[in-house]
Amino acid sequence: MNQLIAYLLDHAMLDFSGELTLDMIRDFLRNDDSPAARALLAKLVQEKGVDDMVVTLADCLQEYLRTGLTEDLVHDQIKLYAES
């Protein structure tokens, strides 16, 4: 059973449902004047969309499926993405 669980966790995929757009992110960040929010928005504008962010975020969060995803973890990963 442990090998099966390990296999399933190793091969689980993280995906986000729904369509996230740059306009949606602008709305989400409208009242957030933090440096992280500004950096993220600037990077997404430079990249002309959110596709790269969503793929990168899903890939980075993949390793945390075993230990759990938290709001703080997602925040940290988005901040790292914006700063990269």
PDB file of N, CA and C in Angstrom:
ATOM      1  N   MET A   1       0.826  -1.194   0.000  1.00  0.00           N
ATOM      2  CA  MET A   1       0.000   0.000   0.000  1.00  0.00           C
ATOM      3  C   MET A   1       0.873   1.261   0.000  1.00  0.00           C
ATOM      4  N   ASN A   2       1.953   1.263   0.769  1.00  0.00           N
ATOM      5  CA  ASN A   2       2.825   2.435   0.828  1.00  0.00           C
ATOM      6  C   ASN A   2       3.447   2.748  -0.520  1.00  0.00           C
ATOM      7  N   GLN A   3       3.831   1.724  -1.262  1.00  0.00           N
ATOM      8  CA  GLN A   3       4.409   1.952  -2.586  1.00  0.00           C
ATOM      9  C   GLN A   3       3.375   2.554  -3.531  1.00  0.00           C
ATOM     10  N   LEU A   4       2.140   2.087  -3.449  1.00  0.00           N
ATOM     11  CA  LEU A   4       1.076   2.636  -4.279  1.00  0.00           C
ATOM     12  C   LEU A   4       0.843   4.107  -3.946  1.00  0.00           C
ATOM     13  N   ILE A   5       0.790   4.423  -2.675  1.00  0.00           N
ATOM     14  CA  ILE A   5       0.588   5.807  -2.254  1.00  0.00           C
ATOM     15  C   ILE A   5       1.745   6.676  -2.716  1.00  0.00           C
ATOM     16  N   ALA A   6       2.961   6.192  -2.551  1.00  0.00           N
ATOM     17  CA  ALA A   6       4.132   6.957  -2.992  1.00  0.00           C
ATOM     18  C   ALA A   6       4.073   7.193  -4.499  1.00  0.00           C
ATOM     19  N   TYR A   7       3.700   6.169  -5.249  1.00  0.00           N
ATOM     20  CA  TYR A   7       3.588   6.319  -6.700  1.00  0.00           C
ATOM     21  C   TYR A   7       2.538   7.371  -7.052  1.00  0.00           C
ATOM     22  N   LEU A   8       1.379   7.288  -6.432  1.00  0.00           N
ATOM     23  CA  LEU A   8       0.300   8.240  -6.728  1.00  0.00           C
ATOM     24  C   LEU A   8       0.715   9.666  -6.392  1.00  0.00           C
ATOM     25  N   LEU A   9       1.381   9.839  -5.264  1.00  0.00           N
ATOM     26  CA  LEU A   9       1.824  11.176  -4.892  1.00  0.00           C
ATOM     27  C   LEU A   9       2.917  11.681  -5.827  1.00  0.00           C
ATOM     28  N   ASP A  10       3.793  10.803  -6.247  1.00  0.00           N
ATOM     29  CA  ASP A  10       4.856  11.211  -7.168  1.00  0.00           C
ATOM     30  C   ASP A  10       4.320  11.590  -8.544  1.00  0.00           C
ATOM     31  N   HIS A  11       3.180  11.050  -8.906  1.00  0.00           N
ATOM     32  CA  HIS A  11       2.633  11.278 -10.239  1.00  0.00           C
ATOM     33  C   HIS A  11       1.376  12.146 -10.231  1.00  0.00           C
ATOM     34  N   ALA A  12       1.032  12.699  -9.092  1.00  0.00           N
ATOM     35  CA  ALA A  12      -0.112  13.611  -9.031  1.00  0.00           C
ATOM     36  C   ALA A  12       0.244  14.888  -9.777  1.00  0.00           C
ATOM     37  N   MET A  13      -0.755  15.493 -10.360  1.00  0.00           N
ATOM     38  CA  MET A  13      -0.521  16.736 -11.097  1.00  0.00           C
ATOM     39  C   MET A  13      -1.385  17.829 -10.486  1.00  0.00           C
ATOM     40  N   LEU A  14      -0.800  18.980 -10.379  1.00  0.00           N
ATOM     41  CA  LEU A  14      -1.506  20.143  -9.867  1.00  0.00           C
ATOM     42  C   LEU A  14      -1.945  20.985 -11.052  1.00  0.00           C
ATOM     43  N   ASP A  15      -3.200  21.344 -11.068  1.00  0.00           N
ATOM     44  CA  ASP A  15      -3.736  22.165 -12.146  1.00  0.00           C
ATOM     45  C   ASP A  15      -4.719  23.146 -11.526  1.00  0.00           C
ATOM     46  N   PHE A  16      -4.957  24.233 -12.208  1.00  0.00           N
ATOM     47  CA  PHE A  16      -5.888  25.233 -11.736  1.00  0.00           C
ATOM     48  C   PHE A  16      -7.081  25.273 -12.678  1.00  0.00           C
ATOM     49  N   SER A  17      -8.269  25.161 -12.131  1.00  0.00           N
ATOM     50  CA  SER A  17      -9.462  25.225 -12.972  1.00  0.00           C
ATOM     51  C   SER A  17      -9.869  26.676 -13.166  1.00  0.00           C
ATOM     52  N   GLY A  18     -10.619  26.917 -14.220  1.00  0.00           N
ATOM     53  CA  GLY A  18     -11.045  28.277 -14.508  1.00  0.00           C
ATOM     54  C   GLY A  18      -9.990  29.002 -15.304  1.00  0.00           C
ATOM     55  N   GLU A  19     -10.399  30.073 -15.922  1.00  0.00           N
ATOM     56  CA  GLU A  19      -9.466  30.840 -16.736  1.00  0.00           C
ATOM     57  C   GLU A  19      -9.055  32.089 -15.972  1.00  0.00           C
ATOM     58  N   LEU A  20      -7.795  32.187 -15.692  1.00  0.00           N
ATOM     59  CA  LEU A  20      -7.240  33.340 -15.008  1.00  0.00           C
ATOM     60  C   LEU A  20      -6.675  34.284 -16.053  1.00  0.00           C
ATOM     61  N   THR A  21      -7.077  35.536 -15.995  1.00  0.00           N
ATOM     62  CA  THR A  21      -6.605  36.517 -16.968  1.00  0.00           C
ATOM     63  C   THR A  21      -5.843  37.627 -16.266  1.00  0.00           C
ATOM     64  N   LEU A  22      -5.125  38.393 -17.054  1.00  0.00           N
ATOM     65  CA  LEU A  22      -4.398  39.534 -16.518  1.00  0.00           C
ATOM     66  C   LEU A  22      -5.363  40.549 -15.919  1.00  0.00           C
ATOM     67  N   ASP A  23      -6.508  40.741 -16.541  1.00  0.00           N
ATOM     68  CA  ASP A  23      -7.512  41.656 -15.987  1.00  0.00           C
ATOM     69  C   ASP A  23      -8.032  41.175 -14.637  1.00  0.00           C
ATOM     70  N   MET A  24      -8.209  39.872 -14.498  1.00  0.00           N
ATOM     71  CA  MET A  24      -8.654  39.330 -13.212  1.00  0.00           C
ATOM     72  C   MET A  24      -7.605  39.599 -12.140  1.00  0.00           C
ATOM     73  N   ILE A  25      -6.336  39.395 -12.480  1.00  0.00           N
ATOM     74  CA  ILE A  25      -5.264  39.629 -11.507  1.00  0.00           C
ATOM     75  C   ILE A  25      -5.214  41.104 -11.136  1.00  0.00           C
ATOM     76  N   ARG A  26      -5.386  41.973 -12.110  1.00  0.00           N
ATOM     77  CA  ARG A  26      -5.441  43.408 -11.801  1.00  0.00           C
ATOM     78  C   ARG A  26      -6.550  43.698 -10.795  1.00  0.00           C
ATOM     79  N   ASP A  27      -7.722  43.077 -10.994  1.00  0.00           N
ATOM     80  CA  ASP A  27      -8.829  43.268 -10.051  1.00  0.00           C
ATOM     81  C   ASP A  27      -8.482  42.730  -8.664  1.00  0.00           C
ATOM     82  N   PHE A  28      -7.857  41.552  -8.617  1.00  0.00           N
ATOM     83  CA  PHE A  28      -7.475  40.957  -7.332  1.00  0.00           C
ATOM     84  C   PHE A  28      -6.472  41.830  -6.587  1.00  0.00           C
ATOM     85  N   LEU A  29      -5.584  42.491  -7.332  1.00  0.00           N
ATOM     86  CA  LEU A  29      -4.510  43.272  -6.718  1.00  0.00           C
ATOM     87  C   LEU A  29      -4.828  44.757  -6.606  1.00  0.00           C
ATOM     88  N   ARG A  30      -6.017  45.148  -7.003  1.00  0.00           N
ATOM     89  CA  ARG A  30      -6.383  46.568  -7.043  1.00  0.00           C
ATOM     90  C   ARG A  30      -6.114  47.284  -5.727  1.00  0.00           C
ATOM     91  N   ASN A  31      -6.406  46.668  -4.614  1.00  0.00           N
ATOM     92  CA  ASN A  31      -6.243  47.317  -3.309  1.00  0.00           C
ATOM     93  C   ASN A  31      -4.972  46.876  -2.586  1.00  0.00           C
ATOM     94  N   ASP A  32      -4.102  46.191  -3.294  1.00  0.00           N
ATOM     95  CA  ASP A  32      -2.863  45.695  -2.697  1.00  0.00           C
ATOM     96  C   ASP A  32      -1.694  46.497  -3.262  1.00  0.00           C
ATOM     97  N   ASP A  33      -1.128  47.359  -2.451  1.00  0.00           N
ATOM     98  CA  ASP A  33      -0.030  48.214  -2.896  1.00  0.00           C
ATOM     99  C   ASP A  33       1.323  47.690  -2.405  1.00  0.00           C
ATOM    100  N   SER A  34       1.366  46.404  -2.057  1.00  0.00           N
ATOM    101  CA  SER A  34       2.615  45.840  -1.543  1.00  0.00           C
ATOM    102  C   SER A  34       3.640  45.711  -2.674  1.00  0.00           C
ATOM    103  N   PRO A  35       4.912  45.701  -2.307  1.00  0.00           N
ATOM    104  CA  PRO A  35       5.955  45.512  -3.317  1.00  0.00           C
ATOM    105  C   PRO A  35       5.779  44.193  -4.095  1.00  0.00           C
ATOM    106  N   ALA A  36       5.345  43.139  -3.408  1.00  0.00           N
ATOM    107  CA  ALA A  36       5.164  41.844  -4.071  1.00  0.00           C
ATOM    108  C   ALA A  36       4.063  41.925  -5.127  1.00  0.00           C
ATOM    109  N   ALA A  37       2.975  42.598  -4.805  1.00  0.00           N
ATOM    110  CA  ALA A  37       1.872  42.742  -5.761  1.00  0.00           C
ATOM    111  C   ALA A  37       2.302  43.571  -6.965  1.00  0.00           C
ATOM    112  N   ARG A  38       3.018  44.646  -6.712  1.00  0.00           N
ATOM    113  CA  ARG A  38       3.494  45.490  -7.819  1.00  0.00           C
ATOM    114  C   ARG A  38       4.478  44.735  -8.702  1.00  0.00           C
ATOM    115  N   ALA A  39       5.372  43.963  -8.078  1.00  0.00           N
ATOM    116  CA  ALA A  39       6.356  43.194  -8.850  1.00  0.00           C
ATOM    117  C   ALA A  39       5.666  42.132  -9.702  1.00  0.00           C
ATOM    118  N   LEU A  40       4.681  41.466  -9.124  1.00  0.00           N
ATOM    119  CA  LEU A  40       3.955  40.440  -9.871  1.00  0.00           C
ATOM    120  C   LEU A  40       3.239  41.053 -11.062  1.00  0.00           C
ATOM    121  N   LEU A  41       2.533  42.121 -10.842  1.00  0.00           N
ATOM    122  CA  LEU A  41       1.802  42.763 -11.937  1.00  0.00           C
ATOM    123  C   LEU A  41       2.756  43.239 -13.027  1.00  0.00           C
ATOM    124  N   ALA A  42       3.868  43.814 -12.642  1.00  0.00           N
ATOM    125  CA  ALA A  42       4.848  44.276 -13.628  1.00  0.00           C
ATOM    126  C   ALA A  42       5.376  43.103 -14.457  1.00  0.00           C
ATOM    127  N   LYS A  43       5.667  41.992 -13.798  1.00  0.00           N
ATOM    128  CA  LYS A  43       6.178  40.823 -14.520  1.00  0.00           C
ATOM    129  C   LYS A  43       5.129  40.275 -15.474  1.00  0.00           C
ATOM    130  N   LEU A  44       3.884  40.208 -15.029  1.00  0.00           N
ATOM    131  CA  LEU A  44       2.823  39.673 -15.886  1.00  0.00           C
ATOM    132  C   LEU A  44       2.551  40.581 -17.079  1.00  0.00           C
ATOM    133  N   VAL A  45       2.630  41.875 -16.880  1.00  0.00           N
ATOM    134  CA  VAL A  45       2.466  42.815 -17.995  1.00  0.00           C
ATOM    135  C   VAL A  45       3.615  42.631 -18.986  1.00  0.00           C
ATOM    136  N   GLN A  46       4.825  42.494 -18.466  1.00  0.00           N
ATOM    137  CA  GLN A  46       5.997  42.287 -19.319  1.00  0.00           C
ATOM    138  C   GLN A  46       5.849  41.002 -20.133  1.00  0.00           C
ATOM    139  N   GLU A  47       5.302  39.956 -19.499  1.00  0.00           N
ATOM    140  CA  GLU A  47       5.146  38.667 -20.170  1.00  0.00           C
ATOM    141  C   GLU A  47       3.880  38.603 -21.020  1.00  0.00           C
ATOM    142  N   LYS A  48       3.069  39.642 -20.940  1.00  0.00           N
ATOM    143  CA  LYS A  48       1.837  39.746 -21.727  1.00  0.00           C
ATOM    144  C   LYS A  48       0.839  38.637 -21.416  1.00  0.00           C
ATOM    145  N   GLY A  49       0.710  38.282 -20.141  1.00  0.00           N
ATOM    146  CA  GLY A  49      -0.278  37.283 -19.758  1.00  0.00           C
ATOM    147  C   GLY A  49       0.135  36.496 -18.535  1.00  0.00           C
ATOM    148  N   VAL A  50      -0.734  35.559 -18.174  1.00  0.00           N
ATOM    149  CA  VAL A  50      -0.541  34.804 -16.939  1.00  0.00           C
ATOM    150  C   VAL A  50      -0.185  33.341 -17.170  1.00  0.00           C
ATOM    151  N   ASP A  51      -0.132  32.909 -18.414  1.00  0.00           N
ATOM    152  CA  ASP A  51       0.090  31.491 -18.695  1.00  0.00           C
ATOM    153  C   ASP A  51       1.385  30.970 -18.079  1.00  0.00           C
ATOM    154  N   ASP A  52       2.480  31.687 -18.254  1.00  0.00           N
ATOM    155  CA  ASP A  52       3.760  31.247 -17.691  1.00  0.00           C
ATOM    156  C   ASP A  52       3.702  31.169 -16.173  1.00  0.00           C
ATOM    157  N   MET A  53       3.037  32.135 -15.546  1.00  0.00           N
ATOM    158  CA  MET A  53       2.943  32.125 -14.096  1.00  0.00           C
ATOM    159  C   MET A  53       2.177  30.902 -13.614  1.00  0.00           C
ATOM    160  N   VAL A  54       1.062  30.591 -14.242  1.00  0.00           N
ATOM    161  CA  VAL A  54       0.235  29.467 -13.808  1.00  0.00           C
ATOM    162  C   VAL A  54       1.002  28.154 -13.954  1.00  0.00           C
ATOM    163  N   VAL A  55       1.684  27.968 -15.071  1.00  0.00           N
ATOM    164  CA  VAL A  55       2.452  26.744 -15.290  1.00  0.00           C
ATOM    165  C   VAL A  55       3.605  26.649 -14.295  1.00  0.00           C
ATOM    166  N   THR A  56       4.323  27.745 -14.102  1.00  0.00           N
ATOM    167  CA  THR A  56       5.446  27.757 -13.167  1.00  0.00           C
ATOM    168  C   THR A  56       4.975  27.525 -11.739  1.00  0.00           C
ATOM    169  N   LEU A  57       3.893  28.165 -11.355  1.00  0.00           N
ATOM    170  CA  LEU A  57       3.367  27.997 -10.003  1.00  0.00           C
ATOM    171  C   LEU A  57       2.928  26.562  -9.753  1.00  0.00           C
ATOM    172  N   ALA A  58       2.224  25.971 -10.703  1.00  0.00           N
ATOM    173  CA  ALA A  58       1.801  24.578 -10.548  1.00  0.00           C
ATOM    174  C   ALA A  58       3.014  23.671 -10.423  1.00  0.00           C
ATOM    175  N   ASP A  59       4.036  23.920 -11.220  1.00  0.00           N
ATOM    176  CA  ASP A  59       5.244  23.106 -11.174  1.00  0.00           C
ATOM    177  C   ASP A  59       5.964  23.252  -9.834  1.00  0.00           C
ATOM    178  N   CYS A  60       6.080  24.475  -9.339  1.00  0.00           N
ATOM    179  CA  CYS A  60       6.769  24.715  -8.065  1.00  0.00           C
ATOM    180  C   CYS A  60       5.996  24.149  -6.879  1.00  0.00           C
ATOM    181  N   LEU A  61       4.682  24.204  -6.940  1.00  0.00           N
ATOM    182  CA  LEU A  61       3.862  23.713  -5.832  1.00  0.00           C
ATOM    183  C   LEU A  61       3.743  22.196  -5.828  1.00  0.00           C
ATOM    184  N   GLN A  62       4.084  21.579  -6.951  1.00  0.00           N
ATOM    185  CA  GLN A  62       3.973  20.122  -7.082  1.00  0.00           C
ATOM    186  C   GLN A  62       4.665  19.394  -5.935  1.00  0.00           C
ATOM    187  N   GLU A  63       5.853  19.833  -5.567  1.00  0.00           N
ATOM    188  CA  GLU A  63       6.621  19.142  -4.528  1.00  0.00           C
ATOM    189  C   GLU A  63       5.981  19.252  -3.144  1.00  0.00           C
ATOM    190  N   TYR A  64       5.050  20.163  -2.983  1.00  0.00           N
ATOM    191  CA  TYR A  64       4.417  20.346  -1.676  1.00  0.00           C
ATOM    192  C   TYR A  64       3.104  19.577  -1.537  1.00  0.00           C
ATOM    193  N   LEU A  65       2.720  18.805  -2.552  1.00  0.00           N
ATOM    194  CA  LEU A  65       1.490  18.032  -2.460  1.00  0.00           C
ATOM    195  C   LEU A  65       1.536  17.032  -1.313  1.00  0.00           C
ATOM    196  N   ARG A  66       2.703  16.518  -1.034  1.00  0.00           N
ATOM    197  CA  ARG A  66       2.830  15.545   0.065  1.00  0.00           C
ATOM    198  C   ARG A  66       2.677  16.202   1.437  1.00  0.00           C
ATOM    199  N   THR A  67       3.175  17.402   1.580  1.00  0.00           N
ATOM    200  CA  THR A  67       3.165  18.042   2.896  1.00  0.00           C
ATOM    201  C   THR A  67       2.008  19.014   3.074  1.00  0.00           C
ATOM    202  N   GLY A  68       1.404  19.410   1.986  1.00  0.00           N
ATOM    203  CA  GLY A  68       0.250  20.298   2.061  1.00  0.00           C
ATOM    204  C   GLY A  68       0.541  21.680   1.514  1.00  0.00           C
ATOM    205  N   LEU A  69      -0.466  22.259   0.921  1.00  0.00           N
ATOM    206  CA  LEU A  69      -0.378  23.610   0.385  1.00  0.00           C
ATOM    207  C   LEU A  69      -1.054  24.563   1.351  1.00  0.00           C
ATOM    208  N   THR A  70      -0.397  25.664   1.619  1.00  0.00           N
ATOM    209  CA  THR A  70      -0.972  26.677   2.500  1.00  0.00           C
ATOM    210  C   THR A  70      -0.995  28.013   1.769  1.00  0.00           C
ATOM    211  N   GLU A  71      -1.754  28.933   2.286  1.00  0.00           N
ATOM    212  CA  GLU A  71      -1.791  30.272   1.697  1.00  0.00           C
ATOM    213  C   GLU A  71      -0.400  30.913   1.731  1.00  0.00           C
ATOM    214  N   ASP A  72       0.302  30.733   2.832  1.00  0.00           N
ATOM    215  CA  ASP A  72       1.645  31.312   2.952  1.00  0.00           C
ATOM    216  C   ASP A  72       2.596  30.721   1.917  1.00  0.00           C
ATOM    217  N   LEU A  73       2.506  29.422   1.701  1.00  0.00           N
ATOM    218  CA  LEU A  73       3.362  28.769   0.720  1.00  0.00           C
ATOM    219  C   LEU A  73       3.074  29.295  -0.688  1.00  0.00           C
ATOM    220  N   VAL A  74       1.807  29.406  -1.049  1.00  0.00           N
ATOM    221  CA  VAL A  74       1.450  29.921  -2.368  1.00  0.00           C
ATOM    222  C   VAL A  74       1.909  31.370  -2.504  1.00  0.00           C
ATOM    223  N   HIS A  75       1.730  32.156  -1.451  1.00  0.00           N
ATOM    224  CA  HIS A  75       2.195  33.551  -1.464  1.00  0.00           C
ATOM    225  C   HIS A  75       3.698  33.611  -1.727  1.00  0.00           C
ATOM    226  N   ASP A  76       4.449  32.787  -1.010  1.00  0.00           N
ATOM    227  CA  ASP A  76       5.903  32.780  -1.167  1.00  0.00           C
ATOM    228  C   ASP A  76       6.309  32.372  -2.580  1.00  0.00           C
ATOM    229  N   GLN A  77       5.629  31.401  -3.147  1.00  0.00           N
ATOM    230  CA  GLN A  77       5.964  30.945  -4.488  1.00  0.00           C
ATOM    231  C   GLN A  77       5.626  32.003  -5.540  1.00  0.00           C
ATOM    232  N   ILE A  78       4.512  32.700  -5.370  1.00  0.00           N
ATOM    233  CA  ILE A  78       4.156  33.776  -6.297  1.00  0.00           C
ATOM    234  C   ILE A  78       5.191  34.906  -6.195  1.00  0.00           C
ATOM    235  N   LYS A  79       5.606  35.216  -4.967  1.00  0.00           N
ATOM    236  CA  LYS A  79       6.611  36.267  -4.771  1.00  0.00           C
ATOM    237  C   LYS A  79       7.927  35.877  -5.439  1.00  0.00           C
ATOM    238  N   LEU A  80       8.347  34.627  -5.268  1.00  0.00           N
ATOM    239  CA  LEU A  80       9.572  34.153  -5.925  1.00  0.00           C
ATOM    240  C   LEU A  80       9.448  34.243  -7.439  1.00  0.00           C
ATOM    241  N   TYR A  81       8.287  33.897  -7.962  1.00  0.00           N
ATOM    242  CA  TYR A  81       8.065  33.990  -9.411  1.00  0.00           C
ATOM    243  C   TYR A  81       8.194  35.438  -9.877  1.00  0.00           C
ATOM    244  N   ALA A  82       7.569  36.330  -9.152  1.00  0.00           N
ATOM    245  CA  ALA A  82       7.586  37.754  -9.545  1.00  0.00           C
ATOM    246  C   ALA A  82       9.001  38.314  -9.518  1.00  0.00           C
ATOM    247  N   GLU A  83       9.825  37.819  -8.606  1.00  0.00           N
ATOM    248  CA  GLU A  83      11.188  38.320  -8.461  1.00  0.00           C
ATOM    249  C   GLU A  83      12.181  37.651  -9.415  1.00  0.00           C
ATOM    250  N   SER A  84      11.743  36.589 -10.069  1.00  0.00           N
ATOM    251  CA  SER A  84      12.682  35.864 -10.946  1.00  0.00           C
ATOM    252  C   SER A  84      12.880  36.551 -12.281  1.00  0.00           C
TER     253      SER A  84
END
